Amino acid sequence: MADDVEIIDKSLRYKGFFEIVSYRFRHRLFAGGWSGEIQREVFERGQAVGVLPYDPAADAVVLIEQFRIGALVARMAPWQTEIVAGIIEEGEKIEDVARREAEEEAGAAVGELIPIFRYLVSPGGASESVQLYCGRVDSRGLGGFHGLADENEDIRVWVQSADDALAALDAGKIGNAVTIIALQWLALNRERLRTLWR
């Protein structure tokens, strides 16, 4: 890849909760030769992990709901139904972050983790990728309110049958990519998963 892309300049334009970095670059063309110089700003959010907590015995998922400013600005429901997710800090193991976030956000102890896949959230302008997992949980007793007070997290947790969660997905009631992707994966792999985890 280093022979196919030339970074001419890279400069930090904004640093706050997130970063915006400006790049000037050129790349090889499919038909041969090089592109002209291109300038793009990239939203640097970091790398994330998402976990769909699934209880095979109850055939149920553990979902969370919390306020999202991006959804409000996009004129969508600001309280989003989601799976557990969090940012991976430098030096952290992805699986450790997945388990910690499940405990912090949903009070769920995750057993086995099955990797689903890693995907880019919006590759045209953001560097963020999400490593997605399905995590085995016992959903009995889960629910209520969770989150870290020092991060101003206000998270509602509930257990929902897989059928009801997939019906909500089909009805367009889920509005964020990580949850849509996780539930679509569950729809395709549910029976295999229940057999595997029996």
N, C-alpha and C. Protein backbone atom coordinates (compact mmCIF):
# COMPACT_ATOMS: atom_id res chain seq x y z
N MET A 1 0.82 -1.20 0.00
CA MET A 1 0.00 0.00 0.00
C MET A 1 0.87 1.26 0.00
N ALA A 2 2.04 1.19 0.65
CA ALA A 2 2.91 2.36 0.70
C ALA A 2 3.35 2.80 -0.68
N ASP A 3 3.42 1.87 -1.63
CA ASP A 3 3.82 2.21 -2.99
C ASP A 3 2.66 2.77 -3.81
N ASP A 4 1.45 2.66 -3.30
CA ASP A 4 0.25 3.06 -4.05
C ASP A 4 -0.37 4.37 -3.58
N VAL A 5 0.06 4.86 -2.42
CA VAL A 5 -0.49 6.10 -1.87
C VAL A 5 0.67 6.97 -1.39
N GLU A 6 0.63 8.25 -1.73
CA GLU A 6 1.64 9.21 -1.26
C GLU A 6 0.95 10.26 -0.40
N ILE A 7 1.33 10.32 0.88
CA ILE A 7 0.82 11.37 1.77
C ILE A 7 1.74 12.57 1.62
N ILE A 8 1.22 13.65 1.08
CA ILE A 8 2.01 14.85 0.83
C ILE A 8 2.10 15.70 2.10
N ASP A 9 0.98 15.80 2.81
CA ASP A 9 0.96 16.61 4.03
C ASP A 9 -0.15 16.10 4.94
N LYS A 10 0.08 16.21 6.24
CA LYS A 10 -0.91 15.82 7.25
C LYS A 10 -0.86 16.87 8.35
N SER A 11 -2.02 17.47 8.69
CA SER A 11 -2.02 18.49 9.72
C SER A 11 -3.27 18.39 10.58
N LEU A 12 -3.08 18.59 11.88
CA LEU A 12 -4.19 18.55 12.83
C LEU A 12 -4.98 19.85 12.74
N ARG A 13 -6.27 19.76 12.46
CA ARG A 13 -7.12 20.94 12.34
C ARG A 13 -7.95 21.22 13.58
N TYR A 14 -8.28 20.15 14.32
CA TYR A 14 -9.09 20.31 15.54
C TYR A 14 -8.80 19.17 16.48
N LYS A 15 -8.69 19.48 17.78
CA LYS A 15 -8.54 18.45 18.80
C LYS A 15 -9.44 18.79 19.97
N GLY A 16 -10.38 17.92 20.23
CA GLY A 16 -11.30 18.03 21.36
C GLY A 16 -11.63 16.63 21.82
N PHE A 17 -12.92 16.34 21.99
CA PHE A 17 -13.32 14.97 22.31
C PHE A 17 -12.92 14.05 21.16
N PHE A 18 -12.96 14.55 19.93
CA PHE A 18 -12.48 13.86 18.74
C PHE A 18 -11.43 14.73 18.08
N GLU A 19 -10.88 14.27 16.96
CA GLU A 19 -9.90 15.05 16.19
C GLU A 19 -10.33 15.14 14.74
N ILE A 20 -9.93 16.22 14.09
CA ILE A 20 -10.07 16.34 12.64
C ILE A 20 -8.69 16.61 12.08
N VAL A 21 -8.27 15.76 11.16
CA VAL A 21 -6.94 15.84 10.56
C VAL A 21 -7.11 16.08 9.06
N SER A 22 -6.35 17.02 8.52
CA SER A 22 -6.38 17.32 7.10
C SER A 22 -5.24 16.57 6.41
N TYR A 23 -5.57 15.91 5.30
CA TYR A 23 -4.59 15.17 4.51
C TYR A 23 -4.54 15.73 3.10
N ARG A 24 -3.31 15.86 2.56
CA ARG A 24 -3.11 16.08 1.13
C ARG A 24 -2.39 14.85 0.62
N PHE A 25 -2.92 14.23 -0.43
CA PHE A 25 -2.38 12.95 -0.88
C PHE A 25 -2.66 12.74 -2.36
N ARG A 26 -2.07 11.72 -2.90
CA ARG A 26 -2.40 11.23 -4.23
C ARG A 26 -2.28 9.71 -4.20
N HIS A 27 -2.94 9.04 -5.17
CA HIS A 27 -2.91 7.58 -5.18
C HIS A 27 -2.86 7.07 -6.62
N ARG A 28 -2.45 5.83 -6.75
CA ARG A 28 -2.39 5.20 -8.07
C ARG A 28 -3.81 5.04 -8.61
N LEU A 29 -3.97 5.14 -9.92
CA LEU A 29 -5.26 4.99 -10.59
C LEU A 29 -5.42 3.57 -11.12
N PHE A 30 -6.65 3.11 -11.19
CA PHE A 30 -6.93 1.77 -11.73
C PHE A 30 -6.37 1.61 -13.14
N ALA A 31 -6.49 2.66 -13.94
CA ALA A 31 -6.05 2.59 -15.34
C ALA A 31 -4.55 2.85 -15.50
N GLY A 32 -3.86 3.08 -14.38
CA GLY A 32 -2.42 3.36 -14.43
C GLY A 32 -2.15 4.83 -14.18
N GLY A 33 -0.95 5.13 -13.74
CA GLY A 33 -0.58 6.50 -13.42
C GLY A 33 -1.05 6.90 -12.03
N TRP A 34 -1.02 8.22 -11.79
CA TRP A 34 -1.35 8.77 -10.47
C TRP A 34 -2.48 9.78 -10.56
N SER A 35 -3.25 9.87 -9.48
CA SER A 35 -4.29 10.91 -9.39
C SER A 35 -3.62 12.26 -9.19
N GLY A 36 -4.42 13.31 -9.35
CA GLY A 36 -3.95 14.62 -8.96
C GLY A 36 -3.93 14.70 -7.45
N GLU A 37 -3.43 15.83 -6.93
CA GLU A 37 -3.39 16.02 -5.48
C GLU A 37 -4.81 16.21 -4.95
N ILE A 38 -5.14 15.49 -3.89
CA ILE A 38 -6.47 15.52 -3.27
C ILE A 38 -6.31 16.00 -1.83
N GLN A 39 -7.24 16.83 -1.37
CA GLN A 39 -7.24 17.25 0.03
C GLN A 39 -8.55 16.80 0.67
N ARG A 40 -8.44 16.14 1.82
CA ARG A 40 -9.61 15.67 2.56
C ARG A 40 -9.36 15.83 4.06
N GLU A 41 -10.44 16.15 4.78
CA GLU A 41 -10.40 16.14 6.23
C GLU A 41 -10.96 14.79 6.71
N VAL A 42 -10.30 14.24 7.71
CA VAL A 42 -10.71 12.94 8.25
C VAL A 42 -11.08 13.11 9.72
N PHE A 43 -12.26 12.61 10.04
CA PHE A 43 -12.75 12.59 11.42
C PHE A 43 -12.11 11.40 12.12
N GLU A 44 -11.26 11.70 13.10
CA GLU A 44 -10.53 10.65 13.83
C GLU A 44 -11.24 10.39 15.15
N ARG A 45 -11.98 9.29 15.21
CA ARG A 45 -12.76 8.97 16.41
C ARG A 45 -12.13 7.86 17.22
N GLY A 46 -11.22 7.12 16.64
CA GLY A 46 -10.62 5.98 17.32
C GLY A 46 -11.27 4.68 16.86
N GLN A 47 -10.78 3.59 17.40
CA GLN A 47 -11.29 2.27 17.05
C GLN A 47 -12.25 1.81 18.14
N ALA A 48 -13.31 1.13 17.74
CA ALA A 48 -14.35 0.75 18.69
C ALA A 48 -14.61 -0.75 18.64
N VAL A 49 -15.28 -1.22 19.68
CA VAL A 49 -15.73 -2.60 19.73
C VAL A 49 -17.22 -2.58 20.07
N GLY A 50 -17.97 -3.46 19.42
CA GLY A 50 -19.40 -3.60 19.71
C GLY A 50 -19.69 -5.05 20.07
N VAL A 51 -20.61 -5.25 21.02
CA VAL A 51 -20.97 -6.59 21.45
C VAL A 51 -22.49 -6.73 21.47
N LEU A 52 -22.97 -7.76 20.79
CA LEU A 52 -24.38 -8.13 20.89
C LEU A 52 -24.48 -9.21 21.96
N PRO A 53 -24.95 -8.87 23.17
CA PRO A 53 -25.10 -9.88 24.22
C PRO A 53 -26.30 -10.77 23.88
N TYR A 54 -26.04 -12.07 23.74
CA TYR A 54 -27.08 -13.02 23.36
C TYR A 54 -27.15 -14.16 24.36
N ASP A 55 -28.37 -14.47 24.81
CA ASP A 55 -28.63 -15.58 25.73
C ASP A 55 -29.25 -16.71 24.93
N PRO A 56 -28.49 -17.77 24.64
CA PRO A 56 -29.04 -18.85 23.81
C PRO A 56 -30.14 -19.65 24.52
N ALA A 57 -30.08 -19.74 25.83
CA ALA A 57 -31.10 -20.50 26.56
C ALA A 57 -32.46 -19.82 26.47
N ALA A 58 -32.46 -18.50 26.61
CA ALA A 58 -33.71 -17.73 26.54
C ALA A 58 -34.01 -17.26 25.12
N ASP A 59 -33.08 -17.44 24.19
CA ASP A 59 -33.18 -16.91 22.83
C ASP A 59 -33.51 -15.41 22.89
N ALA A 60 -32.68 -14.69 23.65
CA ALA A 60 -32.92 -13.27 23.91
C ALA A 60 -31.64 -12.46 23.76
N VAL A 61 -31.81 -11.19 23.46
CA VAL A 61 -30.69 -10.25 23.38
C VAL A 61 -30.82 -9.21 24.48
N VAL A 62 -29.69 -8.64 24.85
CA VAL A 62 -29.67 -7.55 25.84
C VAL A 62 -29.37 -6.28 25.06
N LEU A 63 -30.32 -5.35 25.08
CA LEU A 63 -30.16 -4.09 24.35
C LEU A 63 -30.10 -2.94 25.35
N ILE A 64 -29.52 -1.84 24.89
CA ILE A 64 -29.43 -0.64 25.72
C ILE A 64 -30.02 0.54 24.97
N GLU A 65 -30.33 1.58 25.71
CA GLU A 65 -30.85 2.82 25.12
C GLU A 65 -30.16 3.98 25.80
N GLN A 66 -29.66 4.92 24.99
CA GLN A 66 -29.04 6.12 25.55
C GLN A 66 -29.14 7.28 24.57
N PHE A 67 -28.92 8.48 25.09
CA PHE A 67 -29.02 9.71 24.29
C PHE A 67 -27.80 9.85 23.40
N ARG A 68 -28.04 10.23 22.11
CA ARG A 68 -26.97 10.42 21.15
C ARG A 68 -27.15 11.76 20.44
N ILE A 69 -26.18 12.67 20.61
CA ILE A 69 -26.27 14.01 20.03
C ILE A 69 -26.27 13.95 18.50
N GLY A 70 -25.52 13.03 17.91
CA GLY A 70 -25.50 12.91 16.45
C GLY A 70 -26.87 12.59 15.88
N ALA A 71 -27.61 11.74 16.57
CA ALA A 71 -28.97 11.40 16.12
C ALA A 71 -29.88 12.62 16.20
N LEU A 72 -29.73 13.40 17.26
CA LEU A 72 -30.54 14.62 17.40
C LEU A 72 -30.28 15.58 16.25
N VAL A 73 -29.00 15.80 15.95
CA VAL A 73 -28.62 16.72 14.87
C VAL A 73 -29.12 16.20 13.52
N ALA A 74 -29.14 14.87 13.35
CA ALA A 74 -29.62 14.27 12.10
C ALA A 74 -31.15 14.20 12.04
N ARG A 75 -31.82 14.75 13.06
CA ARG A 75 -33.28 14.76 13.14
C ARG A 75 -33.87 13.35 13.20
N MET A 76 -33.17 12.50 13.97
CA MET A 76 -33.67 11.15 14.25
C MET A 76 -33.90 11.06 15.75
N ALA A 77 -34.49 9.98 16.19
CA ALA A 77 -34.75 9.81 17.62
C ALA A 77 -33.43 9.89 18.40
N PRO A 78 -33.29 10.84 19.34
CA PRO A 78 -32.01 10.99 20.02
C PRO A 78 -31.73 9.88 21.05
N TRP A 79 -32.76 9.20 21.53
CA TRP A 79 -32.53 8.05 22.39
C TRP A 79 -32.50 6.82 21.49
N GLN A 80 -31.32 6.29 21.29
CA GLN A 80 -31.11 5.20 20.34
C GLN A 80 -31.07 3.84 21.03
N THR A 81 -31.75 2.87 20.44
CA THR A 81 -31.63 1.47 20.86
C THR A 81 -30.37 0.92 20.24
N GLU A 82 -29.50 0.35 21.08
CA GLU A 82 -28.17 -0.05 20.64
C GLU A 82 -27.74 -1.36 21.27
N ILE A 83 -26.62 -1.87 20.77
CA ILE A 83 -25.90 -2.93 21.46
C ILE A 83 -24.83 -2.26 22.31
N VAL A 84 -24.16 -3.01 23.13
CA VAL A 84 -23.06 -2.50 23.94
C VAL A 84 -21.89 -2.15 23.03
N ALA A 85 -21.23 -1.02 23.29
CA ALA A 85 -20.07 -0.63 22.47
C ALA A 85 -19.19 0.34 23.25
N GLY A 86 -17.93 0.43 22.83
CA GLY A 86 -17.02 1.37 23.47
C GLY A 86 -15.76 1.56 22.64
N ILE A 87 -15.01 2.60 22.99
CA ILE A 87 -13.77 2.94 22.30
C ILE A 87 -12.61 2.13 22.89
N ILE A 88 -11.74 1.65 22.03
CA ILE A 88 -10.55 0.90 22.44
C ILE A 88 -9.41 1.90 22.64
N GLU A 89 -8.89 1.97 23.85
CA GLU A 89 -7.78 2.88 24.14
C GLU A 89 -6.46 2.21 23.77
N GLU A 90 -5.43 3.02 23.60
CA GLU A 90 -4.10 2.53 23.24
C GLU A 90 -3.65 1.45 24.22
N GLY A 91 -3.22 0.31 23.67
CA GLY A 91 -2.69 -0.78 24.49
C GLY A 91 -3.72 -1.74 25.05
N GLU A 92 -5.01 -1.46 24.86
CA GLU A 92 -6.04 -2.35 25.39
C GLU A 92 -6.30 -3.52 24.46
N LYS A 93 -6.64 -4.67 25.03
CA LYS A 93 -7.04 -5.83 24.24
C LYS A 93 -8.52 -5.69 23.91
N ILE A 94 -8.86 -5.97 22.67
CA ILE A 94 -10.24 -5.76 22.20
C ILE A 94 -11.23 -6.56 23.03
N GLU A 95 -10.92 -7.83 23.29
CA GLU A 95 -11.84 -8.67 24.05
C GLU A 95 -12.05 -8.15 25.47
N ASP A 96 -10.98 -7.60 26.08
CA ASP A 96 -11.11 -7.03 27.42
C ASP A 96 -12.05 -5.83 27.42
N VAL A 97 -11.93 -5.00 26.39
CA VAL A 97 -12.82 -3.83 26.27
C VAL A 97 -14.26 -4.29 26.08
N ALA A 98 -14.46 -5.31 25.25
CA ALA A 98 -15.80 -5.83 25.01
C ALA A 98 -16.45 -6.29 26.32
N ARG A 99 -15.72 -7.02 27.12
CA ARG A 99 -16.25 -7.52 28.40
C ARG A 99 -16.49 -6.37 29.39
N ARG A 100 -15.56 -5.43 29.45
CA ARG A 100 -15.71 -4.31 30.37
C ARG A 100 -16.92 -3.46 30.02
N GLU A 101 -17.09 -3.17 28.73
CA GLU A 101 -18.23 -2.35 28.31
C GLU A 101 -19.55 -3.05 28.58
N ALA A 102 -19.60 -4.36 28.39
CA ALA A 102 -20.83 -5.11 28.68
C ALA A 102 -21.18 -5.01 30.15
N GLU A 103 -20.17 -5.07 31.01
CA GLU A 103 -20.40 -4.95 32.45
C GLU A 103 -20.83 -3.54 32.82
N GLU A 104 -20.11 -2.52 32.30
CA GLU A 104 -20.40 -1.13 32.64
C GLU A 104 -21.75 -0.67 32.11
N GLU A 105 -22.05 -1.02 30.86
CA GLU A 105 -23.25 -0.48 30.21
C GLU A 105 -24.50 -1.31 30.47
N ALA A 106 -24.33 -2.62 30.71
CA ALA A 106 -25.51 -3.48 30.82
C ALA A 106 -25.51 -4.37 32.06
N GLY A 107 -24.45 -4.34 32.85
CA GLY A 107 -24.38 -5.22 34.01
C GLY A 107 -24.27 -6.69 33.61
N ALA A 108 -23.79 -6.96 32.39
CA ALA A 108 -23.77 -8.32 31.85
C ALA A 108 -22.36 -8.89 31.88
N ALA A 109 -22.24 -10.10 32.40
CA ALA A 109 -20.98 -10.83 32.36
C ALA A 109 -20.96 -11.65 31.08
N VAL A 110 -20.02 -11.35 30.19
CA VAL A 110 -19.94 -12.02 28.90
C VAL A 110 -19.02 -13.22 29.00
N GLY A 111 -19.52 -14.36 28.52
CA GLY A 111 -18.70 -15.56 28.44
C GLY A 111 -17.97 -15.59 27.12
N GLU A 112 -18.25 -16.59 26.31
CA GLU A 112 -17.58 -16.72 25.03
C GLU A 112 -17.93 -15.56 24.10
N LEU A 113 -16.93 -15.10 23.38
CA LEU A 113 -17.10 -14.04 22.37
C LEU A 113 -16.85 -14.65 20.99
N ILE A 114 -17.79 -14.47 20.08
CA ILE A 114 -17.61 -14.90 18.70
C ILE A 114 -17.40 -13.67 17.84
N PRO A 115 -16.25 -13.56 17.15
CA PRO A 115 -16.04 -12.40 16.27
C PRO A 115 -17.01 -12.46 15.09
N ILE A 116 -17.66 -11.34 14.82
CA ILE A 116 -18.55 -11.25 13.66
C ILE A 116 -17.73 -10.73 12.48
N PHE A 117 -17.26 -9.50 12.55
CA PHE A 117 -16.32 -8.94 11.60
C PHE A 117 -15.96 -7.52 12.00
N ARG A 118 -15.00 -6.96 11.31
CA ARG A 118 -14.58 -5.57 11.52
C ARG A 118 -15.01 -4.78 10.30
N TYR A 119 -15.57 -3.61 10.53
CA TYR A 119 -16.02 -2.79 9.39
C TYR A 119 -15.72 -1.32 9.64
N LEU A 120 -15.65 -0.56 8.55
CA LEU A 120 -15.47 0.89 8.62
C LEU A 120 -16.83 1.56 8.72
N VAL A 121 -16.94 2.54 9.60
CA VAL A 121 -18.21 3.22 9.82
C VAL A 121 -18.58 4.12 8.65
N SER A 122 -17.64 4.94 8.19
CA SER A 122 -17.88 5.86 7.09
C SER A 122 -16.54 6.18 6.42
N PRO A 123 -16.02 5.28 5.57
CA PRO A 123 -14.64 5.40 5.09
C PRO A 123 -14.35 6.61 4.21
N GLY A 124 -15.38 7.30 3.74
CA GLY A 124 -15.15 8.49 2.93
C GLY A 124 -14.65 9.68 3.73
N GLY A 125 -14.84 9.65 5.06
CA GLY A 125 -14.43 10.82 5.83
C GLY A 125 -14.08 10.54 7.28
N ALA A 126 -14.10 9.25 7.70
CA ALA A 126 -13.78 8.91 9.08
C ALA A 126 -12.89 7.67 9.11
N SER A 127 -11.99 7.64 10.08
CA SER A 127 -11.08 6.51 10.21
C SER A 127 -11.63 5.43 11.13
N GLU A 128 -12.74 5.67 11.79
CA GLU A 128 -13.27 4.75 12.78
C GLU A 128 -13.65 3.40 12.19
N SER A 129 -13.20 2.33 12.86
CA SER A 129 -13.65 0.99 12.54
C SER A 129 -14.25 0.37 13.80
N VAL A 130 -15.12 -0.61 13.60
CA VAL A 130 -15.74 -1.31 14.71
C VAL A 130 -15.46 -2.80 14.57
N GLN A 131 -14.91 -3.40 15.62
CA GLN A 131 -14.79 -4.86 15.69
C GLN A 131 -16.05 -5.34 16.39
N LEU A 132 -16.83 -6.14 15.71
CA LEU A 132 -18.13 -6.56 16.21
C LEU A 132 -18.07 -8.00 16.69
N TYR A 133 -18.69 -8.26 17.85
CA TYR A 133 -18.76 -9.59 18.44
C TYR A 133 -20.19 -9.92 18.83
N CYS A 134 -20.43 -11.22 18.97
CA CYS A 134 -21.61 -11.70 19.67
C CYS A 134 -21.08 -12.34 20.95
N GLY A 135 -21.65 -11.96 22.09
CA GLY A 135 -21.17 -12.47 23.37
C GLY A 135 -22.23 -13.27 24.08
N ARG A 136 -21.85 -14.42 24.59
CA ARG A 136 -22.79 -15.28 25.31
C ARG A 136 -23.02 -14.74 26.72
N VAL A 137 -24.29 -14.58 27.08
CA VAL A 137 -24.64 -14.09 28.41
C VAL A 137 -25.80 -14.90 28.98
N ASP A 138 -25.96 -14.80 30.29
CA ASP A 138 -27.15 -15.27 30.99
C ASP A 138 -27.96 -14.01 31.28
N SER A 139 -29.10 -13.87 30.64
CA SER A 139 -29.86 -12.62 30.72
C SER A 139 -30.76 -12.52 31.95
N ARG A 140 -30.85 -13.59 32.75
CA ARG A 140 -31.72 -13.55 33.93
C ARG A 140 -31.25 -12.46 34.89
N GLY A 141 -32.17 -11.61 35.29
CA GLY A 141 -31.87 -10.55 36.24
C GLY A 141 -31.29 -9.29 35.63
N LEU A 142 -31.05 -9.29 34.33
CA LEU A 142 -30.49 -8.10 33.70
C LEU A 142 -31.60 -7.09 33.39
N GLY A 143 -31.23 -5.83 33.37
CA GLY A 143 -32.17 -4.75 33.10
C GLY A 143 -31.86 -3.57 34.01
N GLY A 144 -32.69 -2.55 33.94
CA GLY A 144 -32.51 -1.39 34.81
C GLY A 144 -31.67 -0.30 34.18
N PHE A 145 -30.99 0.45 35.04
CA PHE A 145 -30.25 1.63 34.62
C PHE A 145 -28.77 1.45 34.96
N HIS A 146 -27.91 1.79 34.00
CA HIS A 146 -26.47 1.58 34.15
C HIS A 146 -25.71 2.76 33.56
N GLY A 147 -24.38 2.60 33.52
CA GLY A 147 -23.51 3.64 32.98
C GLY A 147 -22.64 4.24 34.06
N LEU A 148 -21.56 4.91 33.61
CA LEU A 148 -20.63 5.53 34.54
C LEU A 148 -21.02 6.99 34.78
N ALA A 149 -21.20 7.34 36.04
CA ALA A 149 -21.60 8.70 36.40
C ALA A 149 -20.55 9.72 35.96
N ASP A 150 -19.25 9.37 36.09
CA ASP A 150 -18.20 10.33 35.74
C ASP A 150 -18.10 10.56 34.23
N GLU A 151 -18.79 9.72 33.43
CA GLU A 151 -18.86 9.93 31.98
C GLU A 151 -20.25 10.41 31.56
N ASN A 152 -21.07 10.78 32.54
CA ASN A 152 -22.44 11.24 32.29
C ASN A 152 -23.25 10.24 31.48
N GLU A 153 -23.00 8.96 31.70
CA GLU A 153 -23.76 7.94 31.00
C GLU A 153 -25.09 7.68 31.70
N ASP A 154 -26.13 7.65 30.94
CA ASP A 154 -27.48 7.36 31.43
C ASP A 154 -28.06 6.29 30.50
N ILE A 155 -27.92 5.04 30.89
CA ILE A 155 -28.21 3.92 30.00
C ILE A 155 -29.34 3.07 30.58
N ARG A 156 -30.34 2.85 29.76
CA ARG A 156 -31.43 1.94 30.14
C ARG A 156 -31.16 0.59 29.47
N VAL A 157 -31.32 -0.47 30.23
CA VAL A 157 -31.02 -1.82 29.75
C VAL A 157 -32.28 -2.66 29.82
N TRP A 158 -32.51 -3.45 28.79
CA TRP A 158 -33.60 -4.42 28.86
C TRP A 158 -33.27 -5.66 28.05
N VAL A 159 -33.94 -6.73 28.42
CA VAL A 159 -33.81 -8.00 27.73
C VAL A 159 -35.01 -8.15 26.80
N GLN A 160 -34.74 -8.52 25.57
CA GLN A 160 -35.80 -8.64 24.57
C GLN A 160 -35.64 -9.97 23.83
N SER A 161 -36.73 -10.63 23.55
CA SER A 161 -36.63 -11.87 22.78
C SER A 161 -35.99 -11.56 21.43
N ALA A 162 -35.27 -12.53 20.90
CA ALA A 162 -34.66 -12.35 19.58
C ALA A 162 -35.72 -12.07 18.53
N ASP A 163 -36.88 -12.74 18.64
CA ASP A 163 -37.97 -12.49 17.69
C ASP A 163 -38.42 -11.03 17.72
N ASP A 164 -38.59 -10.48 18.93
CA ASP A 164 -39.04 -9.09 19.05
C ASP A 164 -37.97 -8.11 18.56
N ALA A 165 -36.71 -8.40 18.84
CA ALA A 165 -35.63 -7.52 18.38
C ALA A 165 -35.56 -7.52 16.86
N LEU A 166 -35.70 -8.69 16.25
CA LEU A 166 -35.65 -8.77 14.79
C LEU A 166 -36.88 -8.14 14.16
N ALA A 167 -38.03 -8.22 14.84
CA ALA A 167 -39.24 -7.55 14.34
C ALA A 167 -39.06 -6.03 14.39
N ALA A 168 -38.43 -5.52 15.45
CA ALA A 168 -38.15 -4.08 15.55
C ALA A 168 -37.20 -3.65 14.44
N LEU A 169 -36.21 -4.49 14.13
CA LEU A 169 -35.29 -4.21 13.04
C LEU A 169 -36.05 -4.14 11.71
N ASP A 170 -36.89 -5.13 11.45
CA ASP A 170 -37.66 -5.16 10.20
C ASP A 170 -38.62 -3.99 10.08
N ALA A 171 -39.10 -3.48 11.22
CA ALA A 171 -40.04 -2.36 11.22
C ALA A 171 -39.34 -1.00 11.12
N GLY A 172 -38.01 -1.01 11.03
CA GLY A 172 -37.26 0.25 10.91
C GLY A 172 -37.12 1.00 12.22
N LYS A 173 -37.24 0.32 13.36
CA LYS A 173 -37.16 0.99 14.66
C LYS A 173 -35.74 1.08 15.20
N ILE A 174 -34.79 0.48 14.50
CA ILE A 174 -33.37 0.56 14.89
C ILE A 174 -32.70 1.52 13.92
N GLY A 175 -32.03 2.56 14.43
CA GLY A 175 -31.53 3.61 13.55
C GLY A 175 -30.02 3.77 13.50
N ASN A 176 -29.26 2.81 14.00
CA ASN A 176 -27.80 2.96 13.97
C ASN A 176 -27.15 1.70 13.41
N ALA A 177 -26.07 1.90 12.67
CA ALA A 177 -25.46 0.83 11.88
C ALA A 177 -24.98 -0.34 12.71
N VAL A 178 -24.31 -0.08 13.83
CA VAL A 178 -23.73 -1.18 14.60
C VAL A 178 -24.81 -2.15 15.08
N THR A 179 -25.95 -1.64 15.48
CA THR A 179 -27.04 -2.50 15.96
C THR A 179 -27.72 -3.20 14.80
N ILE A 180 -27.94 -2.48 13.71
CA ILE A 180 -28.54 -3.09 12.52
C ILE A 180 -27.68 -4.26 12.03
N ILE A 181 -26.37 -4.04 11.93
CA ILE A 181 -25.47 -5.07 11.44
C ILE A 181 -25.46 -6.28 12.38
N ALA A 182 -25.39 -6.02 13.68
CA ALA A 182 -25.36 -7.12 14.65
C ALA A 182 -26.64 -7.95 14.61
N LEU A 183 -27.78 -7.28 14.53
CA LEU A 183 -29.05 -8.02 14.50
C LEU A 183 -29.24 -8.76 13.18
N GLN A 184 -28.79 -8.18 12.08
CA GLN A 184 -28.86 -8.90 10.81
C GLN A 184 -27.98 -10.15 10.85
N TRP A 185 -26.81 -10.03 11.47
CA TRP A 185 -25.94 -11.20 11.63
C TRP A 185 -26.65 -12.26 12.47
N LEU A 186 -27.30 -11.82 13.55
CA LEU A 186 -28.02 -12.77 14.39
C LEU A 186 -29.12 -13.48 13.60
N ALA A 187 -29.83 -12.74 12.78
CA ALA A 187 -30.89 -13.35 11.98
C ALA A 187 -30.34 -14.46 11.09
N LEU A 188 -29.15 -14.26 10.57
CA LEU A 188 -28.54 -15.25 9.68
C LEU A 188 -27.89 -16.41 10.43
N ASN A 189 -27.50 -16.20 11.69
CA ASN A 189 -26.69 -17.18 12.42
C ASN A 189 -27.34 -17.70 13.70
N ARG A 190 -28.57 -17.33 13.95
CA ARG A 190 -29.23 -17.64 15.22
C ARG A 190 -29.31 -19.13 15.50
N GLU A 191 -29.77 -19.92 14.56
CA GLU A 191 -29.92 -21.35 14.81
C GLU A 191 -28.56 -22.02 15.01
N ARG A 192 -27.58 -21.64 14.21
CA ARG A 192 -26.23 -22.18 14.37
C ARG A 192 -25.67 -21.83 15.74
N LEU A 193 -25.91 -20.60 16.18
CA LEU A 193 -25.44 -20.12 17.46
C LEU A 193 -26.08 -20.88 18.62
N ARG A 194 -27.38 -21.10 18.54
CA ARG A 194 -28.09 -21.84 19.59
C ARG A 194 -27.61 -23.28 19.67
N THR A 195 -27.32 -23.87 18.54
CA THR A 195 -26.77 -25.24 18.54
C THR A 195 -25.38 -25.25 19.15
N LEU A 196 -24.55 -24.27 18.77
CA LEU A 196 -23.19 -24.19 19.25
C LEU A 196 -23.13 -23.97 20.76
N TRP A 197 -24.03 -23.14 21.29
CA TRP A 197 -23.99 -22.76 22.70
C TRP A 197 -24.95 -23.55 23.59
N ARG A 198 -25.54 -24.63 23.09
CA ARG A 198 -26.41 -25.45 23.94
C ARG A 198 -25.61 -26.27 24.91
